[in-house]
PDB file of N, CA and C in Angstrom:
ATOM      1  N   MET A   1       0.148  -3.583   3.178  1.00  0.00           N
ATOM      2  CA  MET A   1       0.449  -2.093   4.251  1.00  0.00           C
ATOM      3  C   MET A   1       0.014  -2.051   5.504  1.00  0.00           C
ATOM      4  N   ARG A   2       1.046  -2.185   6.439  1.00  0.00           N
ATOM      5  CA  ARG A   2       0.350  -2.261   8.080  1.00  0.00           C
ATOM      6  C   ARG A   2      -0.032  -0.928   8.882  1.00  0.00           C
ATOM      7  N   LEU A   3      -0.596   0.160   7.981  1.00  0.00           N
ATOM      8  CA  LEU A   3      -0.394   1.446   8.821  1.00  0.00           C
ATOM      9  C   LEU A   3      -1.882   1.894   9.100  1.00  0.00           C
ATOM     10  N   GLU A   4      -1.788   1.669  10.410  1.00  0.00           N
ATOM     11  CA  GLU A   4      -3.247   2.139  10.671  1.00  0.00           C
ATOM     12  C   GLU A   4      -4.203   3.151  10.259  1.00  0.00           C
ATOM     13  N   PRO A   5      -5.175   3.172   9.747  1.00  0.00           N
ATOM     14  CA  PRO A   5      -6.060   3.827   9.337  1.00  0.00           C
ATOM     15  C   PRO A   5      -5.983   5.220   9.454  1.00  0.00           C
ATOM     16  N   SER A   6      -5.506   5.751  10.966  1.00  0.00           N
ATOM     17  CA  SER A   6      -5.255   7.093  10.935  1.00  0.00           C
ATOM     18  C   SER A   6      -3.738   7.714  10.836  1.00  0.00           C
ATOM     19  N   ALA A   7      -2.729   6.829  10.342  1.00  0.00           N
ATOM     20  CA  ALA A   7      -1.738   7.115   9.567  1.00  0.00           C
ATOM     21  C   ALA A   7      -1.874   6.795   8.093  1.00  0.00           C
ATOM     22  N   GLY A   8      -2.885   6.823   7.511  1.00  0.00           N
ATOM     23  CA  GLY A   8      -2.805   6.701   5.851  1.00  0.00           C
ATOM     24  C   GLY A   8      -3.284   5.401   5.819  1.00  0.00           C
ATOM     25  N   GLY A   9      -3.286   4.201   6.085  1.00  0.00           N
ATOM     26  CA  GLY A   9      -3.720   2.954   5.490  1.00  0.00           C
ATOM     27  C   GLY A   9      -3.491   2.808   4.388  1.00  0.00           C
ATOM     28  N   VAL A  10      -4.383   2.264   3.449  1.00  0.00           N
ATOM     29  CA  VAL A  10      -4.749   1.962   2.125  1.00  0.00           C
ATOM     30  C   VAL A  10      -5.130   2.967   1.259  1.00  0.00           C
ATOM     31  N   ASP A  11      -5.408   4.140   1.802  1.00  0.00           N
ATOM     32  CA  ASP A  11      -5.480   5.653   1.335  1.00  0.00           C
ATOM     33  C   ASP A  11      -3.885   5.857   0.694  1.00  0.00           C
ATOM     34  N   LEU A  12      -3.049   5.926   1.485  1.00  0.00           N
ATOM     35  CA  LEU A  12      -1.722   6.418   1.179  1.00  0.00           C
ATOM     36  C   LEU A  12      -1.022   6.439   0.038  1.00  0.00           C
ATOM     37  N   PRO A  13      -1.677   5.147  -1.162  1.00  0.00           N
ATOM     38  CA  PRO A  13      -1.028   5.188  -2.693  1.00  0.00           C
ATOM     39  C   PRO A  13      -1.510   6.179  -3.119  1.00  0.00           C
ATOM     40  N   ARG A  14      -3.231   6.714  -2.991  1.00  0.00           N
ATOM     41  CA  ARG A  14      -3.931   7.172  -3.808  1.00  0.00           C
ATOM     42  C   ARG A  14      -3.431   8.567  -3.497  1.00  0.00           C
ATOM     43  N   ARG A  15      -3.457   9.212  -2.321  1.00  0.00           N
ATOM     44  CA  ARG A  15      -2.663   9.933  -1.799  1.00  0.00           C
ATOM     45  C   ARG A  15      -1.096  11.079  -2.720  1.00  0.00           C
ATOM     46  N   ILE A  16      -0.643   9.953  -2.223  1.00  0.00           N
ATOM     47  CA  ILE A  16       0.698  10.008  -3.021  1.00  0.00           C
ATOM     48  C   ILE A  16       0.569   9.891  -4.545  1.00  0.00           C
ATOM     49  N   ARG A  17      -0.323   9.421  -5.440  1.00  0.00           N
ATOM     50  CA  ARG A  17      -0.738   9.535  -6.730  1.00  0.00           C
ATOM     51  C   ARG A  17      -0.635  11.446  -6.818  1.00  0.00           C
ATOM     52  N   VAL A  18      -1.764  11.488  -6.215  1.00  0.00           N
ATOM     53  CA  VAL A  18      -1.966  13.038  -6.425  1.00  0.00           C
ATOM     54  C   VAL A  18      -1.391  14.023  -5.938  1.00  0.00           C
ATOM     55  N   MET A  19      -0.160  13.735  -4.931  1.00  0.00           N
ATOM     56  CA  MET A  19       0.484  14.707  -4.497  1.00  0.00           C
ATOM     57  C   MET A  19       1.584  14.656  -6.137  1.00  0.00           C
ATOM     58  N   LEU A  20       2.178  13.665  -6.570  1.00  0.00           N
ATOM     59  CA  LEU A  20       2.902  13.245  -7.774  1.00  0.00           C
ATOM     60  C   LEU A  20       2.253  13.867  -8.896  1.00  0.00           C
ATOM     61  N   ALA A  21       0.728  14.156  -9.065  1.00  0.00           N
ATOM     62  CA  ALA A  21      -0.046  14.870 -10.323  1.00  0.00           C
ATOM     63  C   ALA A  21       0.249  16.170  -9.704  1.00  0.00           C
ATOM     64  N   GLY A  22       0.206  16.696  -8.597  1.00  0.00           N
ATOM     65  CA  GLY A  22      -0.092  17.903  -8.155  1.00  0.00           C
ATOM     66  C   GLY A  22       1.572  18.800  -8.935  1.00  0.00           C
ATOM     67  N   HIS A  23       2.779  17.458  -8.740  1.00  0.00           N
ATOM     68  CA  HIS A  23       4.221  18.521  -8.806  1.00  0.00           C
ATOM     69  C   HIS A  23       4.284  18.012 -10.800  1.00  0.00           C
ATOM     70  N   GLY A  24       3.555  17.601 -11.013  1.00  0.00           N
ATOM     71  CA  GLY A  24       3.600  16.957 -12.641  1.00  0.00           C
ATOM     72  C   GLY A  24       4.647  15.628 -13.311  1.00  0.00           C
ATOM     73  N   CYS A  25       4.783  14.961 -12.030  1.00  0.00           N
ATOM     74  CA  CYS A  25       5.429  13.656 -12.459  1.00  0.00           C
ATOM     75  C   CYS A  25       4.161  12.578 -12.234  1.00  0.00           C
ATOM     76  N   ALA A  26       3.100  12.594 -12.296  1.00  0.00           N
ATOM     77  CA  ALA A  26       2.717  11.505 -12.437  1.00  0.00           C
ATOM     78  C   ALA A  26       2.688  10.444 -13.508  1.00  0.00           C
ATOM     79  N   GLU A  27       3.228  11.015 -14.879  1.00  0.00           N
ATOM     80  CA  GLU A  27       3.499   9.987 -15.961  1.00  0.00           C
ATOM     81  C   GLU A  27       4.515   9.190 -15.942  1.00  0.00           C
ATOM     82  N   GLN A  28       5.547   9.772 -14.841  1.00  0.00           N
ATOM     83  CA  GLN A  28       6.672   9.036 -15.210  1.00  0.00           C
ATOM     84  C   GLN A  28       6.718   8.160 -13.835  1.00  0.00           C
ATOM     85  N   VAL A  29       5.751   8.252 -13.425  1.00  0.00           N
ATOM     86  CA  VAL A  29       6.211   7.266 -11.886  1.00  0.00           C
ATOM     87  C   VAL A  29       4.695   6.569 -11.304  1.00  0.00           C
ATOM     88  N   ARG A  30       4.911   5.077 -10.936  1.00  0.00           N
ATOM     89  CA  ARG A  30       3.936   4.137 -11.140  1.00  0.00           C
ATOM     90  C   ARG A  30       4.073   3.682  -9.448  1.00  0.00           C
ATOM     91  N   VAL A  31       2.672   3.571  -8.616  1.00  0.00           N
ATOM     92  CA  VAL A  31       2.698   3.729  -7.042  1.00  0.00           C
ATOM     93  C   VAL A  31       1.990   2.549  -7.526  1.00  0.00           C
ATOM     94  N   SER A  32       2.635   1.445  -6.492  1.00  0.00           N
ATOM     95  CA  SER A  32       1.912  -0.242  -6.040  1.00  0.00           C
ATOM     96  C   SER A  32       1.921  -0.019  -4.727  1.00  0.00           C
ATOM     97  N   LEU A  33       1.194  -0.940  -4.151  1.00  0.00           N
ATOM     98  CA  LEU A  33       1.208  -1.235  -2.803  1.00  0.00           C
ATOM     99  C   LEU A  33       1.718  -2.418  -2.895  1.00  0.00           C
ATOM    100  N   THR A  34       2.417  -2.162  -1.801  1.00  0.00           N
ATOM    101  CA  THR A  34       3.100  -3.499  -1.476  1.00  0.00           C
ATOM    102  C   THR A  34       3.632  -3.928   0.133  1.00  0.00           C
ATOM    103  N   GLY A  35       4.576  -4.239   0.666  1.00  0.00           N
ATOM    104  CA  GLY A  35       5.072  -5.124   1.832  1.00  0.00           C
ATOM    105  C   GLY A  35       5.667  -4.235   2.559  1.00  0.00           C
ATOM    106  N   CYS A  36       6.746  -4.570   3.126  1.00  0.00           N
ATOM    107  CA  CYS A  36       7.658  -3.661   3.996  1.00  0.00           C
ATOM    108  C   CYS A  36       8.913  -3.729   3.203  1.00  0.00           C
ATOM    109  N   LEU A  37       8.945  -4.566   1.978  1.00  0.00           N
ATOM    110  CA  LEU A  37      10.264  -4.351   1.277  1.00  0.00           C
ATOM    111  C   LEU A  37      11.299  -4.560   2.431  1.00  0.00           C
ATOM    112  N   GLY A  38      11.502  -5.372   3.498  1.00  0.00           N
ATOM    113  CA  GLY A  38      12.790  -6.033   4.275  1.00  0.00           C
ATOM    114  C   GLY A  38      12.719  -4.776   5.499  1.00  0.00           C
ATOM    115  N   TYR A  39      12.166  -3.281   5.488  1.00  0.00           N
ATOM    116  CA  TYR A  39      12.555  -2.265   6.193  1.00  0.00           C
ATOM    117  C   TYR A  39      11.778  -2.260   7.204  1.00  0.00           C
ATOM    118  N   CYS A  40      10.772  -2.309   7.184  1.00  0.00           N
ATOM    119  CA  CYS A  40       9.516  -2.015   8.000  1.00  0.00           C
ATOM    120  C   CYS A  40       9.806  -1.089   8.926  1.00  0.00           C
ATOM    121  N   PRO A  41       9.535  -0.005   8.555  1.00  0.00           N
ATOM    122  CA  PRO A  41      10.328   1.270   9.961  1.00  0.00           C
ATOM    123  C   PRO A  41       8.810   1.213  10.627  1.00  0.00           C
ATOM    124  N   ASN A  42       8.708   1.545  11.892  1.00  0.00           N
ATOM    125  CA  ASN A  42       7.905   2.191  12.760  1.00  0.00           C
ATOM    126  C   ASN A  42       7.134   3.476  12.492  1.00  0.00           C
ATOM    127  N   GLY A  43       6.061   3.675  11.878  1.00  0.00           N
ATOM    128  CA  GLY A  43       5.029   4.611  11.587  1.00  0.00           C
ATOM    129  C   GLY A  43       5.798   4.953  10.176  1.00  0.00           C
ATOM    130  N   GLN A  44       6.398   4.612   9.387  1.00  0.00           N
ATOM    131  CA  GLN A  44       6.788   5.154   8.010  1.00  0.00           C
ATOM    132  C   GLN A  44       6.541   4.272   7.385  1.00  0.00           C
ATOM    133  N   VAL A  45       6.944   4.652   6.023  1.00  0.00           N
ATOM    134  CA  VAL A  45       6.661   3.551   4.518  1.00  0.00           C
ATOM    135  C   VAL A  45       7.830   3.523   3.895  1.00  0.00           C
ATOM    136  N   SER A  46       8.463   2.258   3.454  1.00  0.00           N
ATOM    137  CA  SER A  46       9.340   2.278   2.211  1.00  0.00           C
ATOM    138  C   SER A  46       8.972   2.218   1.082  1.00  0.00           C
ATOM    139  N   ALA A  47       9.532   2.962   0.018  1.00  0.00           N
ATOM    140  CA  ALA A  47       8.728   3.043  -0.949  1.00  0.00           C
ATOM    141  C   ALA A  47      10.415   2.955  -1.804  1.00  0.00           C
ATOM    142  N   GLN A  48      10.388   2.158  -2.523  1.00  0.00           N
ATOM    143  CA  GLN A  48      11.451   1.460  -3.676  1.00  0.00           C
ATOM    144  C   GLN A  48      11.510   2.061  -4.861  1.00  0.00           C
ATOM    145  N   LEU A  49      12.509   2.784  -5.581  1.00  0.00           N
ATOM    146  CA  LEU A  49      12.835   3.388  -6.461  1.00  0.00           C
ATOM    147  C   LEU A  49      13.674   2.510  -7.468  1.00  0.00           C
ATOM    148  N   LEU A  50      12.820   2.127  -8.535  1.00  0.00           N
ATOM    149  CA  LEU A  50      13.364   1.752  -9.724  1.00  0.00           C
ATOM    150  C   LEU A  50      13.719   2.321 -10.643  1.00  0.00           C
ATOM    151  N   ARG A  51      15.023   2.241 -11.412  1.00  0.00           N
ATOM    152  CA  ARG A  51      15.365   2.658 -12.707  1.00  0.00           C
ATOM    153  C   ARG A  51      16.224   2.050 -13.652  1.00  0.00           C
ATOM    154  N   ASN A  52      15.079   1.856 -14.847  1.00  0.00           N
ATOM    155  CA  ASN A  52      15.739   0.686 -16.032  1.00  0.00           C
ATOM    156  C   ASN A  52      15.504  -0.401 -15.453  1.00  0.00           C
ATOM    157  N   GLY A  53      14.485  -0.508 -14.343  1.00  0.00           N
ATOM    158  CA  GLY A  53      13.958  -1.774 -14.069  1.00  0.00           C
ATOM    159  C   GLY A  53      14.837  -2.809 -12.677  1.00  0.00           C
ATOM    160  N   GLU A  54      15.935  -1.556 -12.145  1.00  0.00           N
ATOM    161  CA  GLU A  54      17.118  -2.099 -11.221  1.00  0.00           C
ATOM    162  C   GLU A  54      16.624  -1.116 -10.012  1.00  0.00           C
ATOM    163  N   VAL A  55      16.398  -1.490  -8.983  1.00  0.00           N
ATOM    164  CA  VAL A  55      16.407  -1.053  -7.721  1.00  0.00           C
ATOM    165  C   VAL A  55      17.633   0.286  -7.754  1.00  0.00           C
ATOM    166  N   SER A  56      17.073   1.182  -7.330  1.00  0.00           N
ATOM    167  CA  SER A  56      18.194   2.088  -7.009  1.00  0.00           C
ATOM    168  C   SER A  56      18.407   2.726  -5.633  1.00  0.00           C
ATOM    169  N   GLU A  57      17.360   2.823  -4.949  1.00  0.00           N
ATOM    170  CA  GLU A  57      17.081   2.801  -3.684  1.00  0.00           C
ATOM    171  C   GLU A  57      15.932   2.564  -3.097  1.00  0.00           C
ATOM    172  N   VAL A  58      16.072   3.331  -1.443  1.00  0.00           N
ATOM    173  CA  VAL A  58      14.426   2.768  -1.085  1.00  0.00           C
ATOM    174  C   VAL A  58      14.617   4.481  -0.231  1.00  0.00           C
ATOM    175  N   VAL A  59      13.432   4.977  -0.056  1.00  0.00           N
ATOM    176  CA  VAL A  59      13.164   5.883   0.621  1.00  0.00           C
ATOM    177  C   VAL A  59      12.079   5.738   1.703  1.00  0.00           C
ATOM    178  N   LEU A  60      12.390   6.588   2.819  1.00  0.00           N
ATOM    179  CA  LEU A  60      11.280   6.021   3.776  1.00  0.00           C
ATOM    180  C   LEU A  60      10.059   7.445   4.161  1.00  0.00           C
ATOM    181  N   LEU A  61       9.130   7.200   4.006  1.00  0.00           N
ATOM    182  CA  LEU A  61       8.192   8.074   3.723  1.00  0.00           C
ATOM    183  C   LEU A  61       7.328   8.370   5.182  1.00  0.00           C
ATOM    184  N   ASP A  62       7.200   9.428   5.829  1.00  0.00           N
ATOM    185  CA  ASP A  62       5.889   9.678   6.859  1.00  0.00           C
ATOM    186  C   ASP A  62       4.995   9.883   6.303  1.00  0.00           C
ATOM    187  N   PRO A  63       3.774   9.013   6.362  1.00  0.00           N
ATOM    188  CA  PRO A  63       2.453   8.793   6.309  1.00  0.00           C
ATOM    189  C   PRO A  63       1.978  10.260   6.104  1.00  0.00           C
ATOM    190  N   GLU A  64       1.809  10.819   6.914  1.00  0.00           N
ATOM    191  CA  GLU A  64       1.185  12.395   6.711  1.00  0.00           C
ATOM    192  C   GLU A  64       1.485  13.125   5.695  1.00  0.00           C
ATOM    193  N   ARG A  65       3.468  13.217   5.524  1.00  0.00           N
ATOM    194  CA  ARG A  65       3.553  14.033   4.120  1.00  0.00           C
ATOM    195  C   ARG A  65       3.327  13.696   2.651  1.00  0.00           C
ATOM    196  N   ASP A  66       2.851  12.618   2.699  1.00  0.00           N
ATOM    197  CA  ASP A  66       1.930  11.867   1.755  1.00  0.00           C
ATOM    198  C   ASP A  66       2.855  11.638   0.058  1.00  0.00           C
ATOM    199  N   GLY A  67       4.265  11.249   0.871  1.00  0.00           N
ATOM    200  CA  GLY A  67       5.293  11.035  -0.411  1.00  0.00           C
ATOM    201  C   GLY A  67       5.955  11.993  -0.761  1.00  0.00           C
ATOM    202  N   ALA A  68       6.087  13.086  -0.198  1.00  0.00           N
ATOM    203  CA  ALA A  68       6.647  14.421  -0.439  1.00  0.00           C
ATOM    204  C   ALA A  68       8.410  14.141  -0.718  1.00  0.00           C
ATOM    205  N   GLU A  69       8.597  13.240   0.078  1.00  0.00           N
ATOM    206  CA  GLU A  69       9.745  12.882   0.213  1.00  0.00           C
ATOM    207  C   GLU A  69      10.633  12.283  -0.799  1.00  0.00           C
ATOM    208  N   LEU A  70       9.508  11.705  -1.557  1.00  0.00           N
ATOM    209  CA  LEU A  70       9.808  11.515  -3.065  1.00  0.00           C
ATOM    210  C   LEU A  70      10.473  12.689  -4.152  1.00  0.00           C
ATOM    211  N   LEU A  71       9.925  13.658  -4.010  1.00  0.00           N
ATOM    212  CA  LEU A  71      10.056  14.445  -4.499  1.00  0.00           C
ATOM    213  C   LEU A  71      11.804  14.911  -5.437  1.00  0.00           C
ATOM    214  N   PRO A  72      12.817  14.885  -4.387  1.00  0.00           N
ATOM    215  CA  PRO A  72      14.019  15.102  -4.656  1.00  0.00           C
ATOM    216  C   PRO A  72      14.462  14.052  -5.579  1.00  0.00           C
ATOM    217  N   HIS A  73      14.101  12.524  -5.162  1.00  0.00           N
ATOM    218  CA  HIS A  73      14.498  11.553  -6.049  1.00  0.00           C
ATOM    219  C   HIS A  73      13.937  11.362  -7.298  1.00  0.00           C
ATOM    220  N   LEU A  74      12.986  12.258  -7.965  1.00  0.00           N
ATOM    221  CA  LEU A  74      12.255  11.952  -9.209  1.00  0.00           C
ATOM    222  C   LEU A  74      12.248  12.995 -10.152  1.00  0.00           C
ATOM    223  N   PRO A  75      11.729  13.312 -11.646  1.00  0.00           N
ATOM    224  CA  PRO A  75      12.162  13.946 -12.306  1.00  0.00           C
ATOM    225  C   PRO A  75      10.924  14.720 -12.594  1.00  0.00           C
ATOM    226  N   CYS A  76      10.689  15.398 -11.527  1.00  0.00           N
ATOM    227  CA  CYS A  76       9.184  16.090 -10.912  1.00  0.00           C
ATOM    228  C   CYS A  76       9.473  17.253 -12.405  1.00  0.00           C
ATOM    229  N   PRO A  77       8.818  18.023 -12.871  1.00  0.00           N
ATOM    230  CA  PRO A  77       8.975  19.300 -13.720  1.00  0.00           C
ATOM    231  C   PRO A  77       8.980  20.341 -12.676  1.00  0.00           C
ATOM    232  N   SER A  78       7.807  20.660 -11.820  1.00  0.00           N
ATOM    233  CA  SER A  78       8.130  21.168 -10.532  1.00  0.00           C
ATOM    234  C   SER A  78       9.095  21.215  -9.819  1.00  0.00           C
ATOM    235  N   THR A  79      10.040  20.552  -9.610  1.00  0.00           N
ATOM    236  CA  THR A  79      10.770  20.050  -8.417  1.00  0.00           C
ATOM    237  C   THR A  79      12.789  20.277  -9.553  1.00  0.00           C
ATOM    238  N   GLU A  80      12.664  20.592 -10.695  1.00  0.00           N
ATOM    239  CA  GLU A  80      14.124  20.377 -11.081  1.00  0.00           C
ATOM    240  C   GLU A  80      13.969  21.935 -11.152  1.00  0.00           C
ATOM    241  N   THR A  81      15.421  21.775 -11.103  1.00  0.00           N
ATOM    242  CA  THR A  81      16.191  23.593 -10.646  1.00  0.00           C
ATOM    243  C   THR A  81      16.950  23.712 -12.409  1.00  0.00           C
ATOM    244  N   PRO A  82      16.764  25.207 -12.609  1.00  0.00           N
ATOM    245  CA  PRO A  82      17.045  25.386 -13.963  1.00  0.00           C
ATOM    246  C   PRO A  82      18.596  25.419 -14.458  1.00  0.00           C
TER     247      PRO A  82
END
């Protein structure tokens, strides 16, 4: 990960895990550190979502939001609508 420490650096995966745990979906999601996945966005992080072992989509994350952009794409109990 090529983020500056002030933008999250290698601490970002831990912060994403904490955010996911707070929404009850940490058990369904695995967070792994990778390269830019071919997107290399300036100031953002690429998150690749896999479903059934296949890439379903790539979501761009703002490091300051600790992965909150992932929530609409995940089966988190606290984000599901009744």
